[in-house]
């Protein structure tokens, strides 16, 4: 585990891309309405497996389905999380770790999501 403290965005992206496993925690105040953060999208683009901790994960679960080795977890999934981390670690130790090639990541780009939002707003007039 590596804690670099606060770093600028470019260094953060570089660190994310060099990761082997990423963990995301949703804010407690977003538990009733799942919030998909830009950070989660950046994590997906890295190709690394992601464990996303959230008590309400409807929207992020849909997004994480683009990554076969990523999932949502909560306090009830601790055994699943431990098993997953051990499995990923063992693959890495045995030299079998590979980044995932995710398809359709462009649909989650800021530009495409902004265009979708703009299209929705313009149809409301």
C-alpha atoms as a PDB file:
ATOM      1  CA  UNK A   1       0.000   0.000   0.000  1.00  0.00           C
ATOM      2  CA  UNK A   2       1.233   3.437  -0.908  1.00  0.00           C
ATOM      3  CA  UNK A   3       0.124   6.728   0.664  1.00  0.00           C
ATOM      4  CA  UNK A   4       1.550   9.718  -1.170  1.00  0.00           C
ATOM      5  CA  UNK A   5      -0.612  12.277   0.606  1.00  0.00           C
ATOM      6  CA  UNK A   6      -1.939  15.110  -1.546  1.00  0.00           C
ATOM      7  CA  UNK A   7      -0.545  15.138  -5.090  1.00  0.00           C
ATOM      8  CA  UNK A   8      -1.564  17.086  -8.199  1.00  0.00           C
ATOM      9  CA  UNK A   9      -3.991  15.590 -10.731  1.00  0.00           C
ATOM     10  CA  UNK A  10      -1.369  14.502 -13.276  1.00  0.00           C
ATOM     11  CA  UNK A  11       0.622  12.647 -10.608  1.00  0.00           C
ATOM     12  CA  UNK A  12      -2.610  11.131  -9.290  1.00  0.00           C
ATOM     13  CA  UNK A  13      -3.484   9.764 -12.759  1.00  0.00           C
ATOM     14  CA  UNK A  14       0.027   8.349 -13.128  1.00  0.00           C
ATOM     15  CA  UNK A  15      -0.235   6.652  -9.727  1.00  0.00           C
ATOM     16  CA  UNK A  16      -3.692   5.265 -10.554  1.00  0.00           C
ATOM     17  CA  UNK A  17      -2.408   3.828 -13.845  1.00  0.00           C
ATOM     18  CA  UNK A  18       0.493   2.103 -12.070  1.00  0.00           C
ATOM     19  CA  UNK A  19      -1.804   0.434  -9.523  1.00  0.00           C
ATOM     20  CA  UNK A  20      -2.601  -3.253  -9.188  1.00  0.00           C
ATOM     21  CA  UNK A  21      -5.758  -2.837  -7.076  1.00  0.00           C
ATOM     22  CA  UNK A  22      -7.812   0.263  -6.316  1.00  0.00           C
ATOM     23  CA  UNK A  23     -10.213   0.917  -3.458  1.00  0.00           C
ATOM     24  CA  UNK A  24     -12.878   3.629  -3.578  1.00  0.00           C
ATOM     25  CA  UNK A  25     -14.999   4.801  -0.645  1.00  0.00           C
ATOM     26  CA  UNK A  26     -18.267   6.638  -1.331  1.00  0.00           C
ATOM     27  CA  UNK A  27     -19.132   9.447   1.036  1.00  0.00           C
ATOM     28  CA  UNK A  28     -21.574   8.514   3.777  1.00  0.00           C
ATOM     29  CA  UNK A  29     -23.914  11.319   2.744  1.00  0.00           C
ATOM     30  CA  UNK A  30     -24.383   9.686  -0.669  1.00  0.00           C
ATOM     31  CA  UNK A  31     -25.696   6.377   0.657  1.00  0.00           C
ATOM     32  CA  UNK A  32     -29.326   7.061  -0.249  1.00  0.00           C
ATOM     33  CA  UNK A  33     -28.516   8.176  -3.780  1.00  0.00           C
ATOM     34  CA  UNK A  34     -25.453   6.527  -5.229  1.00  0.00           C
ATOM     35  CA  UNK A  35     -23.000   9.026  -6.653  1.00  0.00           C
ATOM     36  CA  UNK A  36     -20.617   8.091  -9.442  1.00  0.00           C
ATOM     37  CA  UNK A  37     -17.493  10.138  -8.924  1.00  0.00           C
ATOM     38  CA  UNK A  38     -15.024  11.150 -11.589  1.00  0.00           C
ATOM     39  CA  UNK A  39     -12.455   9.274  -9.547  1.00  0.00           C
ATOM     40  CA  UNK A  40     -14.341   6.007 -10.071  1.00  0.00           C
ATOM     41  CA  UNK A  41     -14.340   6.604 -13.848  1.00  0.00           C
ATOM     42  CA  UNK A  42     -10.591   7.344 -13.731  1.00  0.00           C
ATOM     43  CA  UNK A  43     -10.096   4.139 -11.724  1.00  0.00           C
ATOM     44  CA  UNK A  44     -11.977   2.159 -14.398  1.00  0.00           C
ATOM     45  CA  UNK A  45      -9.809   3.637 -17.155  1.00  0.00           C
ATOM     46  CA  UNK A  46      -6.695   2.321 -15.375  1.00  0.00           C
ATOM     47  CA  UNK A  47      -7.660  -1.296 -16.063  1.00  0.00           C
ATOM     48  CA  UNK A  48      -6.959  -2.250 -12.443  1.00  0.00           C
ATOM     49  CA  UNK A  49      -9.500  -4.150 -10.331  1.00  0.00           C
ATOM     50  CA  UNK A  50     -11.624  -1.903  -8.088  1.00  0.00           C
ATOM     51  CA  UNK A  51     -13.362  -2.492  -4.789  1.00  0.00           C
ATOM     52  CA  UNK A  52     -15.970   0.242  -4.348  1.00  0.00           C
ATOM     53  CA  UNK A  53     -17.313   0.556  -0.808  1.00  0.00           C
ATOM     54  CA  UNK A  54     -20.870   1.881  -0.782  1.00  0.00           C
ATOM     55  CA  UNK A  55     -24.057   1.000   1.076  1.00  0.00           C
ATOM     56  CA  UNK A  56     -26.212   2.042  -1.887  1.00  0.00           C
ATOM     57  CA  UNK A  57     -24.509   1.135  -5.124  1.00  0.00           C
ATOM     58  CA  UNK A  58     -27.157   1.024  -7.814  1.00  0.00           C
ATOM     59  CA  UNK A  59     -25.553   3.425 -10.299  1.00  0.00           C
ATOM     60  CA  UNK A  60     -21.925   2.580  -9.573  1.00  0.00           C
ATOM     61  CA  UNK A  61     -22.733  -1.124  -9.865  1.00  0.00           C
ATOM     62  CA  UNK A  62     -23.869  -0.571 -13.452  1.00  0.00           C
ATOM     63  CA  UNK A  63     -20.652   1.304 -14.255  1.00  0.00           C
ATOM     64  CA  UNK A  64     -18.453  -1.304 -12.547  1.00  0.00           C
ATOM     65  CA  UNK A  65     -19.941  -4.043 -14.725  1.00  0.00           C
ATOM     66  CA  UNK A  66     -17.650  -2.787 -17.491  1.00  0.00           C
ATOM     67  CA  UNK A  67     -14.779  -4.187 -15.415  1.00  0.00           C
ATOM     68  CA  UNK A  68     -15.012  -7.953 -14.803  1.00  0.00           C
ATOM     69  CA  UNK A  69     -12.723  -7.778 -11.756  1.00  0.00           C
ATOM     70  CA  UNK A  70     -14.425  -4.871  -9.991  1.00  0.00           C
ATOM     71  CA  UNK A  71     -17.339  -4.848  -7.577  1.00  0.00           C
ATOM     72  CA  UNK A  72     -19.254  -2.969  -4.916  1.00  0.00           C
ATOM     73  CA  UNK A  73     -18.872  -3.943  -1.294  1.00  0.00           C
ATOM     74  CA  UNK A  74     -20.275  -2.904   2.059  1.00  0.00           C
ATOM     75  CA  UNK A  75     -19.852  -3.948   5.694  1.00  0.00           C
ATOM     76  CA  UNK A  76     -21.612  -7.240   4.952  1.00  0.00           C
ATOM     77  CA  UNK A  77     -19.079  -8.288   2.273  1.00  0.00           C
ATOM     78  CA  UNK A  78     -15.873  -8.335   4.328  1.00  0.00           C
ATOM     79  CA  UNK A  79     -15.170 -12.022   3.614  1.00  0.00           C
ATOM     80  CA  UNK A  80     -15.650 -11.431  -0.126  1.00  0.00           C
ATOM     81  CA  UNK A  81     -13.271  -8.453   0.013  1.00  0.00           C
ATOM     82  CA  UNK A  82     -10.584 -10.407   1.887  1.00  0.00           C
ATOM     83  CA  UNK A  83     -10.882 -13.370  -0.502  1.00  0.00           C
ATOM     84  CA  UNK A  84     -10.700 -11.062  -3.523  1.00  0.00           C
ATOM     85  CA  UNK A  85      -7.602  -9.224  -2.239  1.00  0.00           C
ATOM     86  CA  UNK A  86      -5.849 -12.528  -1.454  1.00  0.00           C
ATOM     87  CA  UNK A  87      -6.670 -13.851  -4.925  1.00  0.00           C
ATOM     88  CA  UNK A  88      -5.391 -10.713  -6.671  1.00  0.00           C
ATOM     89  CA  UNK A  89      -2.250 -10.738  -4.530  1.00  0.00           C
ATOM     90  CA  UNK A  90      -1.570 -14.391  -5.334  1.00  0.00           C
ATOM     91  CA  UNK A  91      -1.991 -13.740  -9.075  1.00  0.00           C
ATOM     92  CA  UNK A  92       0.453 -10.837  -8.793  1.00  0.00           C
ATOM     93  CA  UNK A  93       2.990 -12.911  -6.818  1.00  0.00           C
ATOM     94  CA  UNK A  94       2.786 -15.717  -9.395  1.00  0.00           C
ATOM     95  CA  UNK A  95       3.312 -13.277 -12.277  1.00  0.00           C
ATOM     96  CA  UNK A  96      -0.194 -13.796 -13.658  1.00  0.00           C
ATOM     97  CA  UNK A  97      -1.474 -10.244 -13.026  1.00  0.00           C
ATOM     98  CA  UNK A  98      -2.695  -8.446 -16.167  1.00  0.00           C
ATOM     99  CA  UNK A  99      -4.406  -5.107 -16.615  1.00  0.00           C
ATOM    100  CA  UNK A 100      -7.916  -5.391 -18.013  1.00  0.00           C
ATOM    101  CA  UNK A 101      -8.674  -4.041 -21.472  1.00  0.00           C
ATOM    102  CA  UNK A 102     -12.028  -2.378 -20.989  1.00  0.00           C
ATOM    103  CA  UNK A 103     -14.262  -1.688 -23.945  1.00  0.00           C
ATOM    104  CA  UNK A 104     -16.590   1.267 -24.355  1.00  0.00           C
ATOM    105  CA  UNK A 105     -14.747   3.512 -21.892  1.00  0.00           C
ATOM    106  CA  UNK A 106     -15.352   6.440 -24.266  1.00  0.00           C
ATOM    107  CA  UNK A 107     -19.050   6.349 -23.333  1.00  0.00           C
ATOM    108  CA  UNK A 108     -17.990   7.378 -19.813  1.00  0.00           C
ATOM    109  CA  UNK A 109     -15.763  10.290 -20.861  1.00  0.00           C
ATOM    110  CA  UNK A 110     -16.635  13.721 -19.493  1.00  0.00           C
ATOM    111  CA  UNK A 111     -17.332  14.949 -23.018  1.00  0.00           C
ATOM    112  CA  UNK A 112     -19.791  12.152 -23.830  1.00  0.00           C
ATOM    113  CA  UNK A 113     -21.519  12.326 -20.440  1.00  0.00           C
ATOM    114  CA  UNK A 114     -21.840  16.117 -20.770  1.00  0.00           C
ATOM    115  CA  UNK A 115     -23.335  15.714 -24.253  1.00  0.00           C
ATOM    116  CA  UNK A 116     -25.865  13.181 -22.907  1.00  0.00           C
ATOM    117  CA  UNK A 117     -26.819  15.569 -20.114  1.00  0.00           C
ATOM    118  CA  UNK A 118     -27.138  18.450 -22.580  1.00  0.00           C
ATOM    119  CA  UNK A 119     -29.388  16.324 -24.817  1.00  0.00           C
ATOM    120  CA  UNK A 120     -31.604  15.441 -21.850  1.00  0.00           C
ATOM    121  CA  UNK A 121     -31.867  19.069 -20.726  1.00  0.00           C
ATOM    122  CA  UNK A 122     -32.722  20.313 -24.219  1.00  0.00           C
ATOM    123  CA  UNK A 123     -35.554  17.785 -24.527  1.00  0.00           C
ATOM    124  CA  UNK A 124     -37.139  19.207 -21.352  1.00  0.00           C
ATOM    125  CA  UNK A 125     -37.987  22.537 -22.987  1.00  0.00           C
END
